[in-house]
Amino acid sequence: MTTRRVAVGALLLLLLPAPSLLAQTAPAAAPVLSEQEMDAFLRNGRIVSRRTGNRGVTDAFRVTLSDGTITHDAQVQNVDISRAVFDVGPRFSEVGFRDSYKYNVAGYRLARMLGLRNVPMSVERTVDGKPSAVTWWLDDVMFDESGRTKAAAAGPNPQRTAGYIHILRVFDELIQNRDRNTGNFLWTKDWTMWLIDHTRAFRIGKELLKPQLLERCERSMCAGMRSLTREELERTMDDLLTEPEIDGLMARRDLILKLFDERIAQRGEAAVLFTLPAP
């Protein structure tokens, strides 16, 4: 049977390879999988090879999956650590610390609930006897945010690029992501920003960490937050999030909407809400 390489906006998780390795992964053109097909492939594809990541602080590894027809890479991460206090020196200390593969799956599911299409698919699957997040690998990465900044690049549509930055800021406040850095949001060659690595998100805090950065909100994302219900979250997340984590998320959602409603009242809707321009 002929094997074909799929070039869907592939995924990454916490452990990324070095940029030089990313640059070597040039996918061949191939049809795009539906969500259902991609989900089935990540859950059931046979692992035909693997390699250890060389970047990051938690165990993760890259695998090549195949179902006999489709062959594509994914990242496997099984970290699930809890600490009453996590202290790595004066620059970072956190009470109630957790680093879990489950949050990558939860991050993907929440993004879909909000209408976002730039968080790679991640599914829960047992690998090597361990519950894990298996995440589609991004093939056509141009650079991470650090590389974009160094290149002083804004793409063919700077307004669209700026819009993605606003989306990232709102999403990270909503999930209270405490580990966003320039290495875990990536730009593919079509100038789509992909948000990866959410293993240190979904904290129980009910406050906003950096509300001053919430300047604008993408219109459909705002509507998605307004329509979000606790019942829908509990049903969609299954056992990925605890009750206190859902409490925190909903409280932060309310604060974010309140903040944007106040800014709309002050500045007008057009100055606060925007629609992400097409590529």
C-alpha atoms as a PDB file:
ATOM      1  CA  MET A   1       0.000   0.000   0.000  1.00  0.00           C
ATOM      2  CA  THR A   2       1.344   3.421  -0.923  1.00  0.00           C
ATOM      3  CA  THR A   3       2.075   5.642   2.056  1.00  0.00           C
ATOM      4  CA  ARG A   4       1.339   9.352   1.820  1.00  0.00           C
ATOM      5  CA  ARG A   5       2.613  12.149   4.029  1.00  0.00           C
ATOM      6  CA  VAL A   6      -0.079  14.469   5.385  1.00  0.00           C
ATOM      7  CA  ALA A   7       0.661  18.183   5.607  1.00  0.00           C
ATOM      8  CA  VAL A   8      -2.122  19.437   7.843  1.00  0.00           C
ATOM      9  CA  GLY A   9      -1.215  22.320  10.211  1.00  0.00           C
ATOM     10  CA  ALA A  10       0.645  19.835  12.383  1.00  0.00           C
ATOM     11  CA  LEU A  11       1.151  20.006  16.085  1.00  0.00           C
ATOM     12  CA  LEU A  12       3.761  20.459  18.754  1.00  0.00           C
ATOM     13  CA  LEU A  13       3.724  20.269  22.510  1.00  0.00           C
ATOM     14  CA  LEU A  14       6.058  21.344  25.299  1.00  0.00           C
ATOM     15  CA  LEU A  15       9.252  19.808  23.977  1.00  0.00           C
ATOM     16  CA  LEU A  16      10.076  21.347  20.637  1.00  0.00           C
ATOM     17  CA  PRO A  17      13.059  20.307  18.597  1.00  0.00           C
ATOM     18  CA  ALA A  18      15.791  22.803  17.899  1.00  0.00           C
ATOM     19  CA  PRO A  19      14.845  25.319  15.182  1.00  0.00           C
ATOM     20  CA  SER A  20      17.281  23.657  12.789  1.00  0.00           C
ATOM     21  CA  LEU A  21      15.321  20.409  13.103  1.00  0.00           C
ATOM     22  CA  LEU A  22      12.055  22.211  12.475  1.00  0.00           C
ATOM     23  CA  ALA A  23      13.498  23.676   9.315  1.00  0.00           C
ATOM     24  CA  GLN A  24      14.336  20.198   8.047  1.00  0.00           C
ATOM     25  CA  THR A  25      10.736  18.949   8.300  1.00  0.00           C
ATOM     26  CA  ALA A  26       9.449  19.914   4.871  1.00  0.00           C
ATOM     27  CA  PRO A  27       6.124  18.136   4.271  1.00  0.00           C
ATOM     28  CA  ALA A  28       4.883  17.057   0.880  1.00  0.00           C
ATOM     29  CA  ALA A  29       1.594  18.412  -0.381  1.00  0.00           C
ATOM     30  CA  ALA A  30      -1.307  16.187   0.619  1.00  0.00           C
ATOM     31  CA  PRO A  31      -5.044  16.367   1.300  1.00  0.00           C
ATOM     32  CA  VAL A  32      -6.210  17.874   4.559  1.00  0.00           C
ATOM     33  CA  LEU A  33      -7.793  15.528   7.093  1.00  0.00           C
ATOM     34  CA  SER A  34     -11.136  16.233   8.676  1.00  0.00           C
ATOM     35  CA  GLU A  35     -11.225  16.671  12.442  1.00  0.00           C
ATOM     36  CA  GLN A  36     -12.713  13.210  12.824  1.00  0.00           C
ATOM     37  CA  GLU A  37     -10.016  11.643  10.640  1.00  0.00           C
ATOM     38  CA  MET A  38      -7.215  13.438  12.459  1.00  0.00           C
ATOM     39  CA  ASP A  39      -8.639  12.480  15.852  1.00  0.00           C
ATOM     40  CA  ALA A  40      -8.881   8.817  14.828  1.00  0.00           C
ATOM     41  CA  PHE A  41      -5.354   8.870  13.418  1.00  0.00           C
ATOM     42  CA  LEU A  42      -3.836  10.331  16.604  1.00  0.00           C
ATOM     43  CA  ARG A  43      -5.710   7.841  18.785  1.00  0.00           C
ATOM     44  CA  ASN A  44      -5.128   4.734  16.727  1.00  0.00           C
ATOM     45  CA  GLY A  45      -2.106   5.264  14.483  1.00  0.00           C
ATOM     46  CA  ARG A  46       0.685   2.764  15.045  1.00  0.00           C
ATOM     47  CA  ILE A  47       3.959   4.172  16.335  1.00  0.00           C
ATOM     48  CA  VAL A  48       6.563   3.220  13.734  1.00  0.00           C
ATOM     49  CA  SER A  49       9.477   5.293  15.040  1.00  0.00           C
ATOM     50  CA  ARG A  50      10.342   7.741  17.773  1.00  0.00           C
ATOM     51  CA  ARG A  51      12.973  10.247  18.762  1.00  0.00           C
ATOM     52  CA  THR A  52      13.644  12.106  21.984  1.00  0.00           C
ATOM     53  CA  GLY A  53      13.150  15.854  22.105  1.00  0.00           C
ATOM     54  CA  ASN A  54      16.117  18.014  22.969  1.00  0.00           C
ATOM     55  CA  ARG A  55      14.436  21.094  24.343  1.00  0.00           C
ATOM     56  CA  GLY A  56      12.202  21.680  27.351  1.00  0.00           C
ATOM     57  CA  VAL A  57      12.009  20.690  30.976  1.00  0.00           C
ATOM     58  CA  THR A  58       9.621  17.744  30.960  1.00  0.00           C
ATOM     59  CA  ASP A  59       9.782  14.387  29.239  1.00  0.00           C
ATOM     60  CA  ALA A  60       8.303  14.364  25.763  1.00  0.00           C
ATOM     61  CA  PHE A  61       9.166  12.654  22.542  1.00  0.00           C
ATOM     62  CA  ARG A  62       8.321  12.821  18.888  1.00  0.00           C
ATOM     63  CA  VAL A  63       6.827   9.833  17.132  1.00  0.00           C
ATOM     64  CA  THR A  64       5.929   8.898  13.591  1.00  0.00           C
ATOM     65  CA  LEU A  65       2.457   7.391  13.341  1.00  0.00           C
ATOM     66  CA  SER A  66       1.011   5.346  10.510  1.00  0.00           C
ATOM     67  CA  ASP A  67      -2.325   3.710   9.827  1.00  0.00           C
ATOM     68  CA  GLY A  68      -1.057   1.975   6.693  1.00  0.00           C
ATOM     69  CA  THR A  69      -2.198   4.775   4.405  1.00  0.00           C
ATOM     70  CA  ILE A  70      -1.325   7.977   6.228  1.00  0.00           C
ATOM     71  CA  THR A  71       2.028   8.677   7.875  1.00  0.00           C
ATOM     72  CA  HIS A  72       2.606  11.729  10.051  1.00  0.00           C
ATOM     73  CA  ASP A  73       4.454  12.841  13.185  1.00  0.00           C
ATOM     74  CA  ALA A  74       3.039  13.691  16.588  1.00  0.00           C
ATOM     75  CA  GLN A  75       4.395  14.620  19.968  1.00  0.00           C
ATOM     76  CA  VAL A  76       3.776  12.464  23.023  1.00  0.00           C
ATOM     77  CA  GLN A  77       3.851  13.959  26.489  1.00  0.00           C
ATOM     78  CA  ASN A  78       2.944  12.167  29.701  1.00  0.00           C
ATOM     79  CA  VAL A  79       4.046  14.632  32.395  1.00  0.00           C
ATOM     80  CA  ASP A  80       1.585  14.851  35.297  1.00  0.00           C
ATOM     81  CA  ILE A  81       3.239  16.480  38.311  1.00  0.00           C
ATOM     82  CA  SER A  82       1.675  18.248  41.287  1.00  0.00           C
ATOM     83  CA  ARG A  83       3.521  20.218  43.987  1.00  0.00           C
ATOM     84  CA  ALA A  84       2.151  22.077  46.992  1.00  0.00           C
ATOM     85  CA  VAL A  85       4.920  24.612  46.393  1.00  0.00           C
ATOM     86  CA  PHE A  86       7.122  24.792  43.320  1.00  0.00           C
ATOM     87  CA  ASP A  87      10.152  27.014  43.786  1.00  0.00           C
ATOM     88  CA  VAL A  88      12.957  27.335  41.270  1.00  0.00           C
ATOM     89  CA  GLY A  89      14.560  30.431  42.693  1.00  0.00           C
ATOM     90  CA  PRO A  90      13.706  34.123  42.942  1.00  0.00           C
ATOM     91  CA  ARG A  91      12.337  34.313  39.391  1.00  0.00           C
ATOM     92  CA  PHE A  92       9.571  31.734  39.814  1.00  0.00           C
ATOM     93  CA  SER A  93       7.625  30.329  42.725  1.00  0.00           C
ATOM     94  CA  GLU A  94       4.094  28.966  42.681  1.00  0.00           C
ATOM     95  CA  VAL A  95       1.734  27.515  45.255  1.00  0.00           C
ATOM     96  CA  GLY A  96      -0.495  24.707  44.010  1.00  0.00           C
ATOM     97  CA  PHE A  97       1.749  23.946  41.033  1.00  0.00           C
ATOM     98  CA  ARG A  98       0.735  21.408  38.432  1.00  0.00           C
ATOM     99  CA  ASP A  99       2.339  20.425  35.156  1.00  0.00           C
ATOM    100  CA  SER A 100       0.069  18.029  33.268  1.00  0.00           C
ATOM    101  CA  TYR A 101      -0.348  16.591  29.800  1.00  0.00           C
ATOM    102  CA  LYS A 102      -4.113  16.876  30.384  1.00  0.00           C
ATOM    103  CA  TYR A 103      -3.967  20.634  29.926  1.00  0.00           C
ATOM    104  CA  ASN A 104      -2.756  20.271  26.351  1.00  0.00           C
ATOM    105  CA  VAL A 105      -5.895  18.297  25.548  1.00  0.00           C
ATOM    106  CA  ALA A 106      -8.038  20.734  27.536  1.00  0.00           C
ATOM    107  CA  GLY A 107      -6.434  23.700  25.761  1.00  0.00           C
ATOM    108  CA  TYR A 108      -7.321  22.262  22.356  1.00  0.00           C
ATOM    109  CA  ARG A 109     -10.897  21.498  23.372  1.00  0.00           C
ATOM    110  CA  LEU A 110     -11.457  24.930  24.886  1.00  0.00           C
ATOM    111  CA  ALA A 111     -10.046  26.642  21.798  1.00  0.00           C
ATOM    112  CA  ARG A 112     -12.544  24.798  19.638  1.00  0.00           C
ATOM    113  CA  MET A 113     -15.357  25.819  21.970  1.00  0.00           C
ATOM    114  CA  LEU A 114     -14.328  29.442  21.430  1.00  0.00           C
ATOM    115  CA  GLY A 115     -14.103  29.086  17.661  1.00  0.00           C
ATOM    116  CA  LEU A 116     -10.292  29.216  17.562  1.00  0.00           C
ATOM    117  CA  ARG A 117      -8.533  27.151  14.927  1.00  0.00           C
ATOM    118  CA  ASN A 118      -4.916  27.844  15.894  1.00  0.00           C
ATOM    119  CA  VAL A 119      -4.402  25.446  18.809  1.00  0.00           C
ATOM    120  CA  PRO A 120      -3.221  22.085  17.423  1.00  0.00           C
ATOM    121  CA  MET A 121      -5.284  18.974  17.979  1.00  0.00           C
ATOM    122  CA  SER A 122      -4.285  17.014  21.073  1.00  0.00           C
ATOM    123  CA  VAL A 123      -5.931  13.781  22.217  1.00  0.00           C
ATOM    124  CA  GLU A 124      -5.611  11.597  25.284  1.00  0.00           C
ATOM    125  CA  ARG A 125      -4.106   8.191  24.593  1.00  0.00           C
ATOM    126  CA  THR A 126      -2.120   5.574  26.484  1.00  0.00           C
ATOM    127  CA  VAL A 127       1.444   5.258  25.189  1.00  0.00           C
ATOM    128  CA  ASP A 128       3.985   2.892  26.755  1.00  0.00           C
ATOM    129  CA  GLY A 129       1.423   2.141  29.447  1.00  0.00           C
ATOM    130  CA  LYS A 130       1.118   5.817  30.465  1.00  0.00           C
ATOM    131  CA  PRO A 131      -1.801   8.200  29.893  1.00  0.00           C
ATOM    132  CA  SER A 132      -0.469  10.837  27.506  1.00  0.00           C
ATOM    133  CA  ALA A 133      -1.328  13.753  25.282  1.00  0.00           C
ATOM    134  CA  VAL A 134      -0.658  12.938  21.639  1.00  0.00           C
ATOM    135  CA  THR A 135      -0.494  16.106  19.595  1.00  0.00           C
ATOM    136  CA  TRP A 136      -0.296  16.666  15.841  1.00  0.00           C
ATOM    137  CA  TRP A 137       3.114  17.911  14.736  1.00  0.00           C
ATOM    138  CA  LEU A 138       3.437  21.243  12.935  1.00  0.00           C
ATOM    139  CA  ASP A 139       5.409  20.674   9.743  1.00  0.00           C
ATOM    140  CA  ASP A 140       5.549  24.047   8.052  1.00  0.00           C
ATOM    141  CA  VAL A 141       6.900  26.182  10.899  1.00  0.00           C
ATOM    142  CA  MET A 142       8.630  29.309   9.659  1.00  0.00           C
ATOM    143  CA  PHE A 143       9.836  30.451  13.073  1.00  0.00           C
ATOM    144  CA  ASP A 144       8.772  30.861  16.684  1.00  0.00           C
ATOM    145  CA  GLU A 145       7.986  34.282  18.121  1.00  0.00           C
ATOM    146  CA  SER A 146      11.620  34.835  19.030  1.00  0.00           C
ATOM    147  CA  GLY A 147      12.625  34.256  15.422  1.00  0.00           C
ATOM    148  CA  ARG A 148       9.876  36.535  14.145  1.00  0.00           C
ATOM    149  CA  THR A 149      10.960  39.295  16.499  1.00  0.00           C
ATOM    150  CA  LYS A 150      14.614  38.953  15.504  1.00  0.00           C
ATOM    151  CA  ALA A 151      13.623  39.126  11.853  1.00  0.00           C
ATOM    152  CA  ALA A 152      11.438  42.177  12.560  1.00  0.00           C
ATOM    153  CA  ALA A 153       8.826  40.463  10.389  1.00  0.00           C
ATOM    154  CA  ALA A 154       5.101  41.223  10.394  1.00  0.00           C
ATOM    155  CA  GLY A 155       4.096  39.177   7.376  1.00  0.00           C
ATOM    156  CA  PRO A 156       2.094  40.232   4.313  1.00  0.00           C
ATOM    157  CA  ASN A 157      -0.740  41.476   6.534  1.00  0.00           C
ATOM    158  CA  PRO A 158       0.596  43.156   9.697  1.00  0.00           C
ATOM    159  CA  GLN A 159      -2.964  43.775  10.908  1.00  0.00           C
ATOM    160  CA  ARG A 160      -3.623  40.029  10.899  1.00  0.00           C
ATOM    161  CA  THR A 161      -0.350  39.340  12.714  1.00  0.00           C
ATOM    162  CA  ALA A 162      -1.231  41.917  15.382  1.00  0.00           C
ATOM    163  CA  GLY A 163      -4.686  40.348  15.694  1.00  0.00           C
ATOM    164  CA  TYR A 164      -3.122  36.993  16.557  1.00  0.00           C
ATOM    165  CA  ILE A 165      -1.159  38.644  19.362  1.00  0.00           C
ATOM    166  CA  HIS A 166      -4.410  39.956  20.852  1.00  0.00           C
ATOM    167  CA  ILE A 167      -5.955  36.487  20.587  1.00  0.00           C
ATOM    168  CA  LEU A 168      -2.978  34.964  22.397  1.00  0.00           C
ATOM    169  CA  ARG A 169      -3.215  37.475  25.258  1.00  0.00           C
ATOM    170  CA  VAL A 170      -6.909  36.872  25.825  1.00  0.00           C
ATOM    171  CA  PHE A 171      -6.566  33.090  25.606  1.00  0.00           C
ATOM    172  CA  ASP A 172      -3.663  33.019  28.059  1.00  0.00           C
ATOM    173  CA  GLU A 173      -5.591  35.109  30.592  1.00  0.00           C
ATOM    174  CA  LEU A 174      -8.609  32.862  30.225  1.00  0.00           C
ATOM    175  CA  ILE A 175      -6.615  29.680  30.873  1.00  0.00           C
ATOM    176  CA  GLN A 176      -4.176  31.458  33.193  1.00  0.00           C
ATOM    177  CA  ASN A 177      -1.175  30.150  31.311  1.00  0.00           C
ATOM    178  CA  ARG A 178       1.899  30.711  33.483  1.00  0.00           C
ATOM    179  CA  ASP A 179       4.423  29.374  31.012  1.00  0.00           C
ATOM    180  CA  ARG A 180       3.940  31.256  27.757  1.00  0.00           C
ATOM    181  CA  ASN A 181       7.259  32.155  26.182  1.00  0.00           C
ATOM    182  CA  THR A 182       8.465  33.019  22.711  1.00  0.00           C
ATOM    183  CA  GLY A 183       9.304  29.384  22.035  1.00  0.00           C
ATOM    184  CA  ASN A 184       5.753  28.109  22.392  1.00  0.00           C
ATOM    185  CA  PHE A 185       3.863  30.162  19.926  1.00  0.00           C
ATOM    186  CA  LEU A 186       4.850  29.475  16.375  1.00  0.00           C
ATOM    187  CA  TRP A 187       4.302  30.996  12.957  1.00  0.00           C
ATOM    188  CA  THR A 188       3.730  28.740   9.977  1.00  0.00           C
ATOM    189  CA  LYS A 189       4.515  29.733   6.401  1.00  0.00           C
ATOM    190  CA  ASP A 190       0.973  30.961   5.802  1.00  0.00           C
ATOM    191  CA  TRP A 191       1.439  33.382   8.741  1.00  0.00           C
ATOM    192  CA  THR A 192      -0.879  31.539  11.084  1.00  0.00           C
ATOM    193  CA  MET A 193       0.087  31.744  14.757  1.00  0.00           C
ATOM    194  CA  TRP A 194      -0.150  28.379  16.526  1.00  0.00           C
ATOM    195  CA  LEU A 195      -0.456  28.286  20.311  1.00  0.00           C
ATOM    196  CA  ILE A 196       1.246  25.246  21.800  1.00  0.00           C
ATOM    197  CA  ASP A 197       2.261  23.881  25.211  1.00  0.00           C
ATOM    198  CA  HIS A 198      -0.424  24.441  27.822  1.00  0.00           C
ATOM    199  CA  THR A 199       0.803  21.979  30.460  1.00  0.00           C
ATOM    200  CA  ARG A 200       1.178  24.762  33.039  1.00  0.00           C
ATOM    201  CA  ALA A 201      -2.143  26.455  32.450  1.00  0.00           C
ATOM    202  CA  PHE A 202      -5.663  26.131  33.879  1.00  0.00           C
ATOM    203  CA  ARG A 203      -4.794  27.409  37.347  1.00  0.00           C
ATOM    204  CA  ILE A 204      -7.502  27.874  39.950  1.00  0.00           C
ATOM    205  CA  GLY A 205      -6.831  31.592  40.436  1.00  0.00           C
ATOM    206  CA  LYS A 206      -9.862  33.815  39.888  1.00  0.00           C
ATOM    207  CA  GLU A 207      -7.906  36.962  39.105  1.00  0.00           C
ATOM    208  CA  LEU A 208      -6.394  38.245  35.870  1.00  0.00           C
ATOM    209  CA  LEU A 209      -2.610  38.241  35.769  1.00  0.00           C
ATOM    210  CA  LYS A 210      -1.988  40.988  33.185  1.00  0.00           C
ATOM    211  CA  PRO A 211      -5.272  42.765  32.473  1.00  0.00           C
ATOM    212  CA  GLN A 212      -3.366  45.778  31.104  1.00  0.00           C
ATOM    213  CA  LEU A 213      -2.436  43.689  28.059  1.00  0.00           C
ATOM    214  CA  LEU A 214      -6.061  43.014  27.138  1.00  0.00           C
ATOM    215  CA  GLU A 215      -6.488  45.853  24.684  1.00  0.00           C
ATOM    216  CA  ARG A 216      -8.648  44.251  21.994  1.00  0.00           C
ATOM    217  CA  CYS A 217     -10.591  41.014  21.477  1.00  0.00           C
ATOM    218  CA  GLU A 218     -11.398  39.078  18.351  1.00  0.00           C
ATOM    219  CA  ARG A 219     -15.141  39.345  17.771  1.00  0.00           C
ATOM    220  CA  SER A 220     -16.044  35.656  17.418  1.00  0.00           C
ATOM    221  CA  MET A 221     -13.799  34.744  20.360  1.00  0.00           C
ATOM    222  CA  CYS A 222     -15.638  37.285  22.499  1.00  0.00           C
ATOM    223  CA  ALA A 223     -18.961  35.775  21.430  1.00  0.00           C
ATOM    224  CA  GLY A 224     -17.630  32.316  22.242  1.00  0.00           C
ATOM    225  CA  MET A 225     -16.692  33.401  25.747  1.00  0.00           C
ATOM    226  CA  ARG A 226     -20.134  34.940  26.286  1.00  0.00           C
ATOM    227  CA  SER A 227     -21.882  31.739  25.293  1.00  0.00           C
ATOM    228  CA  LEU A 228     -19.626  29.469  27.345  1.00  0.00           C
ATOM    229  CA  THR A 229     -21.469  27.659  30.123  1.00  0.00           C
ATOM    230  CA  ARG A 230     -20.237  25.611  33.030  1.00  0.00           C
ATOM    231  CA  GLU A 231     -22.372  22.669  31.939  1.00  0.00           C
ATOM    232  CA  GLU A 232     -20.824  22.702  28.484  1.00  0.00           C
ATOM    233  CA  LEU A 233     -17.327  22.914  29.961  1.00  0.00           C
ATOM    234  CA  GLU A 234     -17.903  19.995  32.304  1.00  0.00           C
ATOM    235  CA  ARG A 235     -19.287  17.901  29.472  1.00  0.00           C
ATOM    236  CA  THR A 236     -16.503  18.765  27.029  1.00  0.00           C
ATOM    237  CA  MET A 237     -13.606  18.505  29.469  1.00  0.00           C
ATOM    238  CA  ASP A 238     -14.768  15.234  31.001  1.00  0.00           C
ATOM    239  CA  ASP A 239     -12.098  14.517  33.662  1.00  0.00           C
ATOM    240  CA  LEU A 240      -9.411  16.800  32.200  1.00  0.00           C
ATOM    241  CA  LEU A 241     -10.200  19.701  34.556  1.00  0.00           C
ATOM    242  CA  THR A 242     -11.153  19.639  38.221  1.00  0.00           C
ATOM    243  CA  GLU A 243     -14.074  21.562  39.666  1.00  0.00           C
ATOM    244  CA  PRO A 244     -11.799  24.305  41.125  1.00  0.00           C
ATOM    245  CA  GLU A 245     -10.064  24.652  37.741  1.00  0.00           C
ATOM    246  CA  ILE A 246     -13.417  25.145  36.025  1.00  0.00           C
ATOM    247  CA  ASP A 247     -14.425  27.609  38.764  1.00  0.00           C
ATOM    248  CA  GLY A 248     -11.290  29.626  38.083  1.00  0.00           C
ATOM    249  CA  LEU A 249     -11.773  29.577  34.325  1.00  0.00           C
ATOM    250  CA  MET A 250     -15.372  30.793  34.563  1.00  0.00           C
ATOM    251  CA  ALA A 251     -14.437  33.542  37.029  1.00  0.00           C
ATOM    252  CA  ARG A 252     -11.676  34.768  34.722  1.00  0.00           C
ATOM    253  CA  ARG A 253     -14.068  34.621  31.774  1.00  0.00           C
ATOM    254  CA  ASP A 254     -16.435  36.943  33.651  1.00  0.00           C
ATOM    255  CA  LEU A 255     -13.614  39.389  34.443  1.00  0.00           C
ATOM    256  CA  ILE A 256     -12.385  39.424  30.849  1.00  0.00           C
ATOM    257  CA  LEU A 257     -15.863  40.154  29.500  1.00  0.00           C
ATOM    258  CA  LYS A 258     -16.414  42.840  32.132  1.00  0.00           C
ATOM    259  CA  LEU A 259     -13.134  44.494  31.169  1.00  0.00           C
ATOM    260  CA  PHE A 260     -13.967  44.504  27.457  1.00  0.00           C
ATOM    261  CA  ASP A 261     -17.536  45.689  28.084  1.00  0.00           C
ATOM    262  CA  GLU A 262     -16.142  48.637  30.031  1.00  0.00           C
ATOM    263  CA  ARG A 263     -13.695  49.454  27.262  1.00  0.00           C
ATOM    264  CA  ILE A 264     -16.438  49.241  24.643  1.00  0.00           C
ATOM    265  CA  ALA A 265     -18.524  51.674  26.687  1.00  0.00           C
ATOM    266  CA  GLN A 266     -15.565  54.063  26.867  1.00  0.00           C
ATOM    267  CA  ARG A 267     -14.081  53.754  23.388  1.00  0.00           C
ATOM    268  CA  GLY A 268     -16.759  52.235  21.200  1.00  0.00           C
ATOM    269  CA  GLU A 269     -17.077  48.701  19.883  1.00  0.00           C
ATOM    270  CA  ALA A 270     -15.011  49.283  16.745  1.00  0.00           C
ATOM    271  CA  ALA A 271     -12.001  50.299  18.827  1.00  0.00           C
ATOM    272  CA  VAL A 272     -12.155  47.164  20.985  1.00  0.00           C
ATOM    273  CA  LEU A 273     -13.550  44.271  18.938  1.00  0.00           C
ATOM    274  CA  PHE A 274     -12.084  43.155  15.621  1.00  0.00           C
ATOM    275  CA  THR A 275     -12.453  40.394  13.071  1.00  0.00           C
ATOM    276  CA  LEU A 276      -9.236  38.601  12.192  1.00  0.00           C
ATOM    277  CA  PRO A 277      -8.407  39.449   8.561  1.00  0.00           C
ATOM    278  CA  ALA A 278      -8.273  36.610   6.074  1.00  0.00           C
ATOM    279  CA  PRO A 279      -4.792  35.425   4.981  1.00  0.00           C
END
